Amino acid sequence: MSETPAPAGKARFPRTFWTANTIELFERAAYYSMASFMVIYLNEKLGMSPATATLLNGTVLWGLIYFLPILSGTIADKYGYKKSLSVSLVLISIGYLIMGNLQGIWPGLTGAAEGAPVNFLLPVVIAIVFIGVGGSIVKPCIAGTVQKTAGVHATLAFGIFYMVINIGSITGRGVSYFVRTAYGIPAIFTYVATVFAILGLGVVLFLYKEPQFVSDGKKDGQVVKRRTLGEALLGIITVLGNIRFVFFLLVLALFWFLYSQLYNLMPLFMRFIDPNAPMELYTLANPLMIVCFQLLITKFAKRWTPIKSIMFGVAVTTVGMVVNVLPTLLWSDAFQKVNLLGLVIPAAGIFMIVSIASMATGEMFASPRIYEYVGALAPKGQEGLYLGYSNLPVALGSILGGGVGGKLFQKLILDPREAGGSPQIATLWLIIGAVGIVSFVGLGIYNSWLKRALQKEGTTAA
């Protein structure tokens, strides 16, 4: 029997709302348990080049997760969330299980027992496709359930949802650290990610109930209708036909290009500085910052216009990238160990923590306001269509950022070292920072462009 959305008045959400958030917690714990070590695993354990490792993780995996919801959300509406979630978590579980057991099953199929080098590319791509396609289905199903069960308390509901994501992130990273240090990197996939994904599947099968489906309803002041797969594909053409909006997507994608380096370039860099760097603990600064400061930052920036908040977020993130230059300026050796409140870590590690915290701060300023801004700049009557493609910048930034991050690491860090020279650490981070500057300037140009266009139409910019 379907559950009705939360009623007006005191916020009391139905059981399905909390069940959906529990599924999200397990799925995010699974993903973030291995996210910080994916490129390290591909590079260090499977022998792939940095460029290949980041291409697979950033371009392929993140590209699937953030681009496919445009289509998978339509499919989920057609077949129902419960069935879609069941299929997605089965796919995710299989993907993690394959990834964690590659060295056990693949050599026997390739003849590596005779000493021939093992090429893990094919099984890795298969595993990543399982994880990426499955992850792309989870996103619209859980967000859709939250929306359908929130009633008039949508802001609070999505605030809880966002908090659950970060609690799952903290949980996954914490468990991952203890399992990895005891059993090695492959165990993250086999014993942490897979188990969390299976727990999520169990919640879907035994506790989750299909939320009440309303084919036509009101959202953001307009009528929202269930779309067919064909309409979803046509929607891409409609959106990309708006040159002004495409420009906005591209400059915003450069912001997400920076963010994608958190799981691509940064793990490679820190393992270069410290071969035993616990990346899950370094990246833990991201969800911890969000859990501790999201409400404070939201309150602080609520009087700002969306574009001001987005641009400030981009600026903070850019500065956070550039601070990684400082170890080469303050110390003669970036590998030098320093004492930080009794914890001895490389000098570069201190600034990496600052950088990751800055990225989290930038995300908190920018990400929540992007949807508000997109809704304001969309043509009248097409707000819902445009909001449906708000994740495109994440997909584009990830697709671009994955491969580029690995190539820069190879050219500026590994190649100079192999040639007997010094790694070009400052150059690496200045190039990454320059991408943020281009994004910031591009957003400013776009906003001026939009203001002039809206003034001609007799409206005001967001």
Protein backbone atom coordinates (compact mmCIF):
# COMPACT_ATOMS: atom_id res chain seq x y z
CA MET A 1 0.00 0.00 0.00
CA SER A 2 1.38 3.42 -0.93
CA GLU A 3 2.28 5.95 1.71
CA THR A 4 1.08 9.53 1.46
CA PRO A 5 3.47 12.48 1.62
CA ALA A 6 4.17 14.25 4.89
CA PRO A 7 1.23 16.51 5.86
CA ALA A 8 1.41 20.22 6.44
CA GLY A 9 2.22 21.47 9.94
CA LYS A 10 4.76 19.64 12.06
CA ALA A 11 7.31 17.78 9.93
CA ARG A 12 6.60 14.07 10.40
CA PHE A 13 7.88 12.03 7.51
CA PRO A 14 6.43 8.61 6.60
CA ARG A 15 8.35 5.38 7.01
CA THR A 16 9.31 5.21 3.33
CA PHE A 17 11.16 8.52 3.66
CA TRP A 18 13.40 7.11 6.38
CA THR A 19 13.79 3.79 4.58
CA ALA A 20 14.98 5.61 1.46
CA ASN A 21 17.51 7.59 3.51
CA THR A 22 18.77 4.36 5.07
CA ILE A 23 19.32 2.91 1.59
CA GLU A 24 21.16 6.08 0.61
CA LEU A 25 23.34 5.86 3.72
CA PHE A 26 24.41 2.29 2.88
CA GLU A 27 24.95 3.03 -0.82
CA ARG A 28 27.04 6.13 -0.09
CA ALA A 29 29.00 4.27 2.60
CA ALA A 30 29.78 1.62 -0.04
CA TYR A 31 30.89 4.17 -2.61
CA TYR A 32 32.97 6.40 -0.36
CA SER A 33 34.64 3.44 1.33
CA MET A 34 36.55 2.86 -1.90
CA ALA A 35 36.43 6.29 -3.62
CA SER A 36 39.69 7.59 -2.12
CA PHE A 37 41.58 4.46 -3.14
CA MET A 38 40.13 3.64 -6.57
CA VAL A 39 42.89 5.35 -8.58
CA ILE A 40 45.53 4.14 -6.11
CA TYR A 41 44.29 0.56 -6.54
CA LEU A 42 44.30 0.82 -10.33
CA ASN A 43 47.74 2.45 -10.36
CA GLU A 44 49.64 0.69 -7.58
CA LYS A 45 48.07 -2.75 -7.49
CA LEU A 46 46.93 -3.30 -11.07
CA GLY A 47 49.81 -1.51 -12.76
CA MET A 48 47.83 1.02 -14.77
CA SER A 49 49.29 4.41 -15.65
CA PRO A 50 48.05 7.46 -13.72
CA ALA A 51 46.29 8.74 -16.85
CA THR A 52 44.48 5.42 -17.38
CA ALA A 53 43.55 5.13 -13.70
CA THR A 54 42.04 8.62 -13.53
CA LEU A 55 40.37 8.18 -16.92
CA LEU A 56 38.59 5.06 -15.69
CA ASN A 57 37.66 6.55 -12.32
CA GLY A 58 36.83 10.12 -13.28
CA THR A 59 35.78 9.99 -16.91
CA VAL A 60 34.09 6.58 -17.07
CA LEU A 61 32.77 5.94 -13.55
CA TRP A 62 31.81 9.49 -12.59
CA GLY A 63 30.62 10.14 -16.14
CA LEU A 64 28.19 7.23 -15.91
CA ILE A 65 27.00 8.10 -12.41
CA TYR A 66 26.25 11.74 -13.18
CA PHE A 67 25.21 11.62 -16.84
CA LEU A 68 22.97 8.56 -16.98
CA PRO A 69 20.38 9.80 -14.39
CA ILE A 70 18.96 11.89 -17.24
CA LEU A 71 17.82 8.60 -18.76
CA SER A 72 17.77 6.24 -15.77
CA GLY A 73 15.39 8.51 -13.87
CA THR A 74 12.87 8.16 -16.70
CA ILE A 75 13.28 4.38 -16.69
CA ALA A 76 12.83 4.29 -12.90
CA ASP A 77 9.57 6.22 -13.21
CA LYS A 78 8.36 3.70 -15.78
CA TYR A 79 9.17 0.50 -13.89
CA GLY A 80 8.92 1.74 -10.30
CA TYR A 81 11.50 2.70 -7.71
CA LYS A 82 11.53 -0.59 -5.80
CA LYS A 83 12.34 -2.69 -8.87
CA SER A 84 14.85 -0.12 -10.11
CA LEU A 85 16.62 0.09 -6.74
CA SER A 86 16.76 -3.71 -6.49
CA VAL A 87 18.40 -3.98 -9.92
CA SER A 88 20.77 -1.09 -9.23
CA LEU A 89 22.08 -2.47 -5.94
CA VAL A 90 22.56 -5.93 -7.44
CA LEU A 91 24.64 -4.34 -10.21
CA ILE A 92 26.63 -2.28 -7.71
CA SER A 93 27.31 -5.31 -5.49
CA ILE A 94 28.53 -7.37 -8.44
CA GLY A 95 30.74 -4.50 -9.60
CA TYR A 96 32.43 -4.11 -6.21
CA LEU A 97 32.85 -7.88 -5.85
CA ILE A 98 34.53 -8.13 -9.26
CA MET A 99 36.78 -5.15 -8.49
CA GLY A 100 37.98 -6.62 -5.20
CA ASN A 101 38.81 -10.04 -6.63
CA LEU A 102 40.51 -9.15 -9.91
CA GLN A 103 43.92 -10.48 -8.92
CA GLY A 104 42.38 -13.73 -7.77
CA ILE A 105 40.29 -14.59 -10.82
CA TRP A 106 41.76 -12.78 -13.82
CA PRO A 107 45.37 -14.09 -13.97
CA GLY A 108 44.10 -17.64 -14.53
CA LEU A 109 42.21 -16.44 -17.61
CA THR A 110 45.15 -14.57 -19.15
CA GLY A 111 47.99 -16.97 -18.73
CA ALA A 112 49.81 -14.69 -16.31
CA ALA A 113 50.83 -17.73 -14.28
CA GLU A 114 53.59 -18.24 -16.85
CA GLY A 115 54.95 -14.77 -16.12
CA ALA A 116 53.12 -12.81 -18.81
CA PRO A 117 51.99 -9.34 -17.72
CA VAL A 118 48.35 -9.09 -16.74
CA ASN A 119 46.12 -6.56 -18.44
CA PHE A 120 43.23 -5.84 -16.09
CA LEU A 121 41.59 -3.25 -18.32
CA LEU A 122 38.66 -5.37 -19.51
CA PRO A 123 37.49 -6.68 -16.11
CA VAL A 124 37.98 -3.23 -14.56
CA VAL A 125 35.82 -1.63 -17.25
CA ILE A 126 33.15 -4.31 -16.71
CA ALA A 127 33.18 -3.70 -12.95
CA ILE A 128 33.07 0.07 -13.40
CA VAL A 129 30.12 -0.18 -15.82
CA PHE A 130 28.22 -2.26 -13.23
CA ILE A 131 28.98 0.26 -10.48
CA GLY A 132 28.35 3.33 -12.66
CA VAL A 133 25.07 2.16 -14.19
CA GLY A 134 23.82 0.93 -10.82
CA GLY A 135 24.81 4.19 -9.13
CA SER A 136 23.06 6.24 -11.79
CA ILE A 137 19.79 4.45 -11.04
CA VAL A 138 20.03 4.90 -7.26
CA LYS A 139 20.31 8.68 -7.45
CA PRO A 140 16.94 9.54 -9.08
CA CYS A 141 15.11 6.81 -7.16
CA ILE A 142 16.16 8.01 -3.71
CA ALA A 143 15.81 11.71 -4.57
CA GLY A 144 12.42 10.95 -6.12
CA THR A 145 11.28 9.10 -3.00
CA VAL A 146 12.36 12.01 -0.79
CA GLN A 147 10.44 14.42 -3.01
CA LYS A 148 7.29 12.29 -3.08
CA THR A 149 7.22 11.76 0.70
CA ALA A 150 8.28 15.26 1.78
CA GLY A 151 4.97 17.04 1.32
CA VAL A 152 5.36 20.74 2.11
CA HIS A 153 8.59 20.08 4.03
CA ALA A 154 10.81 19.62 0.97
CA THR A 155 13.58 21.93 2.22
CA LEU A 156 13.91 20.04 5.51
CA ALA A 157 13.58 16.68 3.74
CA PHE A 158 16.40 17.37 1.32
CA GLY A 159 18.49 18.83 4.13
CA ILE A 160 18.16 15.51 5.97
CA PHE A 161 18.91 13.66 2.74
CA TYR A 162 22.08 15.71 2.18
CA MET A 163 23.18 15.09 5.77
CA VAL A 164 22.60 11.34 5.39
CA ILE A 165 24.85 11.30 2.32
CA ASN A 166 27.70 12.75 4.34
CA ILE A 167 27.08 10.50 7.33
CA GLY A 168 27.32 7.57 4.93
CA SER A 169 30.52 9.05 3.55
CA ILE A 170 32.08 9.32 7.01
CA THR A 171 30.96 5.78 7.93
CA GLY A 172 32.34 4.24 4.75
CA ARG A 173 35.71 5.97 5.02
CA GLY A 174 36.06 5.07 8.70
CA VAL A 175 35.34 1.37 8.20
CA SER A 176 37.51 1.37 5.07
CA TYR A 177 40.55 2.62 6.99
CA PHE A 178 40.49 -0.24 9.51
CA VAL A 179 39.80 -2.93 6.91
CA ARG A 180 42.43 -1.63 4.48
CA THR A 181 45.18 -1.35 7.09
CA ALA A 182 44.42 -4.90 8.23
CA TYR A 183 43.78 -6.69 4.93
CA GLY A 184 44.94 -4.45 2.06
CA ILE A 185 43.30 -2.30 -0.61
CA PRO A 186 41.33 -5.07 -2.44
CA ALA A 187 39.52 -5.81 0.82
CA ILE A 188 37.90 -2.36 0.66
CA PHE A 189 35.91 -3.51 -2.36
CA THR A 190 35.26 -7.08 -1.23
CA TYR A 191 34.50 -6.65 2.45
CA VAL A 192 33.37 -3.04 2.83
CA ALA A 193 31.82 -1.72 -0.38
CA THR A 194 30.14 -5.01 -1.30
CA VAL A 195 28.75 -5.59 2.20
CA PHE A 196 27.34 -2.06 2.47
CA ALA A 197 25.73 -2.41 -0.97
CA ILE A 198 24.16 -5.75 0.02
CA LEU A 199 22.83 -4.19 3.24
CA GLY A 200 21.20 -1.50 1.10
CA LEU A 201 19.70 -4.19 -1.13
CA GLY A 202 18.28 -5.94 1.94
CA VAL A 203 16.56 -2.72 3.03
CA VAL A 204 15.05 -2.35 -0.46
CA LEU A 205 13.77 -5.93 -0.59
CA PHE A 206 12.34 -6.18 2.93
CA LEU A 207 11.52 -2.66 4.14
CA TYR A 208 11.15 -0.24 1.22
CA LYS A 209 7.66 0.50 -0.09
CA GLU A 210 6.93 2.17 -3.38
CA PRO A 211 6.02 5.83 -2.66
CA GLN A 212 2.76 7.19 -3.93
CA PHE A 213 3.25 8.11 -7.57
CA VAL A 214 1.67 11.25 -8.94
CA SER A 215 2.09 11.39 -12.72
CA ASP A 216 1.12 15.06 -12.87
CA GLY A 217 1.83 17.47 -10.08
CA LYS A 218 3.21 20.83 -9.06
CA LYS A 219 6.91 21.41 -8.62
CA ASP A 220 8.66 24.76 -8.53
CA GLY A 221 5.41 26.46 -9.52
CA GLN A 222 4.83 24.48 -12.70
CA VAL A 223 3.15 21.29 -13.86
CA VAL A 224 5.53 18.33 -13.92
CA LYS A 225 4.69 15.36 -16.09
CA ARG A 226 6.25 11.94 -16.27
CA ARG A 227 8.50 11.81 -19.35
CA THR A 228 9.09 8.95 -21.74
CA LEU A 229 12.61 7.88 -22.68
CA GLY A 230 12.17 9.56 -26.06
CA GLU A 231 11.13 12.81 -24.41
CA ALA A 232 14.19 12.64 -22.16
CA LEU A 233 16.46 12.31 -25.20
CA LEU A 234 14.66 15.17 -26.97
CA GLY A 235 15.06 17.25 -23.81
CA ILE A 236 18.84 17.01 -24.15
CA ILE A 237 18.59 18.47 -27.64
CA THR A 238 16.30 21.27 -26.41
CA VAL A 239 18.61 22.22 -23.56
CA LEU A 240 21.78 22.04 -25.62
CA GLY A 241 20.14 24.19 -28.27
CA ASN A 242 20.23 27.10 -25.82
CA ILE A 243 23.74 28.48 -26.44
CA ARG A 244 23.60 30.74 -23.40
CA PHE A 245 22.74 27.83 -21.13
CA VAL A 246 25.43 25.64 -22.71
CA PHE A 247 28.01 28.34 -21.90
CA PHE A 248 26.81 28.33 -18.29
CA LEU A 249 27.12 24.52 -18.14
CA LEU A 250 30.66 24.66 -19.48
CA VAL A 251 31.99 27.30 -17.05
CA LEU A 252 30.27 25.51 -14.18
CA ALA A 253 31.78 22.22 -15.38
CA LEU A 254 35.21 23.76 -14.77
CA PHE A 255 34.26 24.10 -11.08
CA TRP A 256 33.41 20.39 -10.96
CA PHE A 257 36.67 19.73 -12.83
CA LEU A 258 38.39 21.01 -9.68
CA TYR A 259 36.19 18.92 -7.41
CA SER A 260 36.85 15.73 -9.40
CA GLN A 261 40.54 16.01 -8.51
CA LEU A 262 39.64 15.10 -4.93
CA TYR A 263 39.37 11.46 -6.05
CA ASN A 264 41.74 11.52 -9.02
CA LEU A 265 44.79 13.78 -8.78
CA MET A 266 44.95 14.23 -5.00
CA PRO A 267 45.24 10.52 -4.10
CA LEU A 268 48.02 10.06 -6.68
CA PHE A 269 49.85 13.15 -5.45
CA MET A 270 49.69 12.25 -1.76
CA ARG A 271 50.84 8.68 -2.40
CA PHE A 272 53.78 10.17 -4.31
CA ILE A 273 54.61 12.35 -1.30
CA ASP A 274 53.91 9.57 1.21
CA PRO A 275 53.62 5.98 -0.14
CA ASN A 276 51.59 5.03 2.94
CA ALA A 277 49.29 8.07 2.92
CA PRO A 278 45.87 7.12 4.41
CA MET A 279 43.79 8.88 1.77
CA GLU A 280 40.46 7.98 3.34
CA LEU A 281 41.51 9.98 6.41
CA TYR A 282 42.70 12.94 4.35
CA THR A 283 39.46 13.06 2.34
CA LEU A 284 37.45 12.65 5.55
CA ALA A 285 37.91 16.41 5.91
CA ASN A 286 35.30 16.85 3.14
CA PRO A 287 32.22 15.22 4.75
CA LEU A 288 33.23 16.35 8.24
CA MET A 289 33.27 19.97 7.11
CA ILE A 290 29.86 19.60 5.48
CA VAL A 291 28.26 17.91 8.48
CA CYS A 292 29.67 20.51 10.88
CA PHE A 293 29.20 23.71 8.88
CA GLN A 294 26.52 23.26 6.19
CA LEU A 295 23.71 24.80 8.26
CA LEU A 296 25.94 27.69 9.38
CA ILE A 297 27.08 28.47 5.83
CA THR A 298 23.53 28.18 4.48
CA LYS A 299 22.37 30.68 7.08
CA PHE A 300 25.32 32.98 6.39
CA ALA A 301 24.81 33.04 2.61
CA LYS A 302 21.01 33.00 2.46
CA ARG A 303 20.83 36.75 1.74
CA TRP A 304 23.31 36.49 -1.09
CA THR A 305 22.12 36.13 -4.65
CA PRO A 306 22.64 32.60 -6.05
CA ILE A 307 25.34 33.73 -8.47
CA LYS A 308 27.29 35.50 -5.71
CA SER A 309 27.18 32.35 -3.59
CA ILE A 310 28.22 30.15 -6.54
CA MET A 311 31.09 32.44 -7.51
CA PHE A 312 32.30 32.65 -3.92
CA GLY A 313 32.26 28.85 -3.75
CA VAL A 314 34.32 28.64 -6.94
CA ALA A 315 36.80 31.21 -5.55
CA VAL A 316 37.24 29.35 -2.25
CA THR A 317 37.79 26.06 -4.06
CA THR A 318 40.33 27.67 -6.40
CA VAL A 319 42.28 29.15 -3.49
CA GLY A 320 42.17 25.73 -1.85
CA MET A 321 43.89 24.22 -4.87
CA VAL A 322 46.58 26.89 -5.03
CA VAL A 323 47.57 26.46 -1.35
CA ASN A 324 49.19 23.17 -2.36
CA VAL A 325 51.97 25.32 -3.83
CA LEU A 326 52.98 26.59 -0.37
CA PRO A 327 55.01 23.56 0.82
CA THR A 328 57.50 24.18 -1.99
CA LEU A 329 57.80 27.82 -0.88
CA LEU A 330 57.89 27.38 2.89
CA TRP A 331 60.08 24.28 2.98
CA SER A 332 62.97 23.30 0.77
CA ASP A 333 61.53 19.79 0.61
CA ALA A 334 57.77 19.14 0.28
CA PHE A 335 58.43 15.60 1.53
CA GLN A 336 59.70 16.96 4.85
CA LYS A 337 57.80 15.70 7.87
CA VAL A 338 56.30 18.23 10.26
CA ASN A 339 54.64 17.88 13.63
CA LEU A 340 50.97 18.88 13.60
CA LEU A 341 49.50 18.68 17.12
CA GLY A 342 51.51 15.55 17.82
CA LEU A 343 50.75 13.97 14.42
CA VAL A 344 53.80 13.71 12.17
CA ILE A 345 52.82 14.06 8.50
CA PRO A 346 54.48 15.42 5.33
CA ALA A 347 54.39 19.19 4.97
CA ALA A 348 52.38 18.74 1.77
CA GLY A 349 49.83 16.74 3.77
CA ILE A 350 48.94 19.72 5.97
CA PHE A 351 48.07 21.84 2.97
CA MET A 352 46.24 18.94 1.34
CA ILE A 353 43.91 18.85 4.34
CA VAL A 354 43.40 22.61 4.03
CA SER A 355 42.75 22.16 0.31
CA ILE A 356 40.15 19.44 0.85
CA ALA A 357 38.43 21.49 3.57
CA SER A 358 38.38 24.46 1.18
CA MET A 359 36.76 22.29 -1.49
CA ALA A 360 34.06 21.28 0.98
CA THR A 361 33.47 24.95 1.85
CA GLY A 362 33.23 25.87 -1.81
CA GLU A 363 30.79 23.05 -2.42
CA MET A 364 28.58 24.22 0.45
CA PHE A 365 28.39 27.74 -0.96
CA ALA A 366 27.94 26.73 -4.60
CA SER A 367 26.12 23.43 -4.90
CA PRO A 368 22.80 24.22 -3.14
CA ARG A 369 22.40 27.48 -5.08
CA ILE A 370 23.07 26.04 -8.54
CA TYR A 371 19.56 24.57 -8.76
CA GLU A 372 18.03 27.87 -7.68
CA TYR A 373 20.03 29.75 -10.31
CA VAL A 374 19.23 27.26 -13.08
CA GLY A 375 15.53 27.57 -12.31
CA ALA A 376 15.78 31.36 -12.59
CA LEU A 377 17.66 31.44 -15.88
CA ALA A 378 15.57 28.79 -17.66
CA PRO A 379 13.04 29.98 -20.25
CA LYS A 380 9.54 30.43 -18.87
CA GLY A 381 7.64 27.16 -18.81
CA GLN A 382 10.82 25.08 -19.16
CA GLU A 383 12.17 25.35 -15.59
CA GLY A 384 11.58 21.67 -14.84
CA LEU A 385 13.30 20.58 -18.04
CA TYR A 386 16.38 22.66 -17.31
CA LEU A 387 16.52 21.62 -13.65
CA GLY A 388 16.60 18.02 -14.85
CA TYR A 389 19.95 18.72 -16.47
CA SER A 390 21.53 20.52 -13.52
CA ASN A 391 23.88 17.57 -12.96
CA LEU A 392 25.32 17.87 -16.46
CA PRO A 393 28.17 20.15 -15.24
CA VAL A 394 29.18 17.47 -12.72
CA ALA A 395 29.25 14.87 -15.49
CA LEU A 396 31.15 17.15 -17.88
CA GLY A 397 33.64 18.25 -15.21
CA SER A 398 34.27 14.64 -14.20
CA ILE A 399 34.64 13.39 -17.76
CA LEU A 400 37.19 16.12 -18.47
CA GLY A 401 38.86 16.20 -15.07
CA GLY A 402 39.56 12.48 -14.74
CA GLY A 403 41.91 12.00 -17.67
CA VAL A 404 43.47 15.47 -17.46
CA GLY A 405 44.36 15.09 -13.78
CA GLY A 406 46.22 11.85 -14.44
CA LYS A 407 48.06 13.24 -17.48
CA LEU A 408 49.20 16.33 -15.56
CA PHE A 409 50.46 14.11 -12.74
CA GLN A 410 52.42 12.00 -15.22
CA LYS A 411 53.92 14.95 -17.10
CA LEU A 412 54.72 17.23 -14.17
CA ILE A 413 55.50 14.81 -11.34
CA LEU A 414 56.52 11.37 -12.56
CA ASP A 415 58.28 12.22 -15.83
CA PRO A 416 60.63 14.84 -14.29
CA ARG A 417 61.53 12.46 -11.48
CA GLU A 418 62.25 9.62 -13.91
CA ALA A 419 64.44 12.02 -15.93
CA GLY A 420 66.46 12.82 -12.82
CA GLY A 421 64.90 16.25 -12.28
CA SER A 422 62.63 17.74 -9.64
CA PRO A 423 58.85 17.26 -9.67
CA GLN A 424 57.07 20.41 -10.81
CA ILE A 425 54.68 20.56 -7.87
CA ALA A 426 54.02 24.30 -8.02
CA THR A 427 53.30 24.17 -11.76
CA LEU A 428 50.85 21.30 -11.27
CA TRP A 429 48.71 23.11 -8.74
CA LEU A 430 48.92 26.46 -10.50
CA ILE A 431 47.52 24.87 -13.66
CA ILE A 432 44.66 23.34 -11.66
CA GLY A 433 44.06 26.70 -9.96
CA ALA A 434 43.98 28.43 -13.35
CA VAL A 435 41.00 26.25 -14.31
CA GLY A 436 39.17 27.62 -11.27
CA ILE A 437 40.01 31.19 -12.28
CA VAL A 438 38.59 30.58 -15.76
CA SER A 439 35.42 29.20 -14.18
CA PHE A 440 35.11 32.22 -11.87
CA VAL A 441 35.63 34.73 -14.68
CA GLY A 442 33.31 32.78 -16.97
CA LEU A 443 30.53 32.86 -14.38
CA GLY A 444 30.97 36.63 -14.02
CA ILE A 445 30.76 37.08 -17.79
CA TYR A 446 27.72 34.85 -17.96
CA ASN A 447 25.91 36.71 -15.20
CA SER A 448 26.51 40.06 -16.92
CA TRP A 449 25.25 38.53 -20.14
CA LEU A 450 22.16 37.20 -18.40
CA LYS A 451 21.45 40.52 -16.68
CA ARG A 452 21.45 42.37 -20.00
CA ALA A 453 19.21 39.75 -21.59
CA LEU A 454 16.72 39.82 -18.70
CA GLN A 455 16.65 43.61 -18.61
CA LYS A 456 15.57 43.57 -22.23
CA GLU A 457 12.83 41.13 -21.27
CA GLY A 458 11.77 43.32 -18.33
CA THR A 459 12.78 40.86 -15.60
CA THR A 460 15.65 40.72 -13.10
CA ALA A 461 18.65 38.42 -12.82
CA ALA A 462 18.99 35.89 -10.02
